[in-house]
Protein backbone atom coordinates (compact mmCIF):
# COMPACT_ATOMS: atom_id res chain seq x y z
CA MET A 1 21.69 57.05 -56.79
CA GLU A 2 22.09 60.79 -57.33
CA ASN A 3 25.50 59.63 -59.04
CA ILE A 4 23.89 56.11 -60.77
CA SER A 5 21.95 59.43 -62.69
CA LEU A 6 25.21 61.63 -63.82
CA LEU A 7 26.91 58.44 -64.69
CA LEU A 8 24.17 57.45 -67.21
CA SER A 9 23.15 60.65 -67.91
CA ASP A 10 27.31 61.04 -69.16
CA ALA A 11 27.82 57.56 -70.90
CA LEU A 12 24.79 58.62 -72.89
CA ALA A 13 24.54 61.38 -73.47
CA PRO A 14 23.33 64.04 -75.06
CA TYR A 15 20.54 61.57 -73.47
CA GLN A 16 19.35 63.16 -70.73
CA ALA A 17 17.83 59.62 -67.61
CA SER A 18 16.17 59.83 -64.37
CA LEU A 19 15.79 58.00 -61.82
CA GLY A 20 12.46 56.62 -60.89
CA ALA A 21 11.78 56.54 -57.46
CA ALA A 22 12.14 52.56 -55.68
CA GLY A 23 9.69 49.91 -56.33
CA VAL A 24 9.24 47.33 -53.03
CA ASN A 25 11.93 45.07 -54.20
CA GLY A 26 14.44 48.50 -54.86
CA GLU A 27 13.50 47.81 -58.93
CA ARG A 28 14.56 51.67 -59.99
CA LEU A 29 12.35 53.05 -63.98
CA VAL A 30 15.16 54.48 -66.44
CA THR A 31 14.19 56.99 -68.24
CA LEU A 32 15.60 58.49 -71.65
CA LYS A 33 14.65 61.96 -72.67
CA ASN A 34 16.62 63.25 -75.54
CA ALA A 35 17.37 66.99 -76.15
CA ALA A 36 13.48 67.79 -77.05
CA GLY A 37 12.88 66.34 -73.56
CA ALA A 38 10.48 63.45 -75.74
CA ILE A 39 11.29 60.03 -73.91
CA VAL A 40 12.79 57.82 -75.82
CA ILE A 41 13.58 54.75 -73.93
CA GLU A 42 12.31 53.05 -70.04
CA ARG A 43 13.39 50.28 -69.21
CA VAL A 44 13.13 48.78 -65.67
CA PHE A 45 16.48 47.72 -63.78
CA SER A 46 17.02 46.28 -60.57
CA ALA A 47 19.47 47.71 -57.74
CA SER A 48 21.78 45.48 -57.83
CA GLN A 49 22.68 46.36 -61.95
CA LEU A 50 22.82 49.86 -60.47
CA SER A 51 24.69 49.08 -57.58
CA ASP A 52 26.89 46.83 -59.09
CA ARG A 53 29.73 48.57 -61.48
CA ARG A 54 30.18 45.85 -63.86
CA GLN A 55 26.16 44.97 -64.37
CA LEU A 56 26.43 49.37 -64.52
CA THR A 57 28.51 48.80 -67.71
CA ASP A 58 26.47 46.31 -68.79
CA VAL A 59 22.72 48.25 -68.57
CA VAL A 60 23.94 51.34 -70.03
CA ASP A 61 25.75 48.79 -72.77
CA GLY A 62 22.72 47.59 -73.50
CA LEU A 63 21.11 51.32 -73.31
CA HIS A 64 23.39 52.02 -76.18
CA ARG A 65 21.97 49.20 -77.98
CA ASP A 66 18.27 50.16 -77.92
CA LEU A 67 19.00 53.57 -78.37
CA MET A 68 20.83 52.53 -82.06
CA VAL A 69 17.42 50.52 -82.64
CA ALA A 70 15.23 53.76 -81.81
CA GLU A 71 17.59 55.45 -83.70
CA GLY A 72 17.63 53.74 -86.85
CA ARG A 73 21.25 53.00 -86.75
CA ILE A 74 20.52 49.51 -85.88
CA GLU A 75 18.72 46.75 -86.78
CA PRO A 76 17.08 44.65 -84.06
CA CYS A 77 17.27 41.08 -86.29
CA VAL A 78 21.55 42.61 -87.15
CA ILE A 79 22.00 41.94 -83.00
CA ALA A 80 19.80 38.87 -83.55
CA ALA A 81 22.44 37.05 -86.17
CA MET A 82 25.41 38.92 -83.91
CA ARG A 83 24.50 36.44 -80.30
CA ASN A 84 23.87 33.83 -82.91
CA ALA A 85 27.26 33.82 -84.52
CA SER A 86 28.72 35.11 -80.97
CA GLN A 87 26.48 31.59 -79.94
CA ALA A 88 27.95 29.00 -82.54
CA GLY A 89 31.86 30.15 -81.56
CA VAL A 90 31.64 29.49 -77.81
CA PHE A 91 29.90 25.99 -78.59
CA SER A 92 32.52 25.33 -81.77
CA GLY A 93 34.87 26.43 -79.26
CA GLY A 94 35.86 29.21 -80.56
CA ARG A 95 37.24 27.61 -84.45
CA PRO A 96 35.23 28.43 -86.72
CA PHE A 97 32.38 26.20 -89.21
CA VAL A 98 34.24 24.72 -92.61
């Protein structure tokens, strides 16, 4: 898991990522700290999310999104609108509504 912590730190630089001890079901607390050492984000992820490359990519994408919200670069309502727009495209067969 040391490698996972390093990968997360590299992917989320300049934030420092650390993994907490494994929980009862193998879940781990991921903590992101800024350069001053203040905790910016803490999230719990399952062992499978951190061990599977594709799921780990999703974890990093989610943490990037959460960092953008924490930094005030994007509002949560924008994320919700983007999700709704993408789901509408899926339900309509990918064609825009007219």
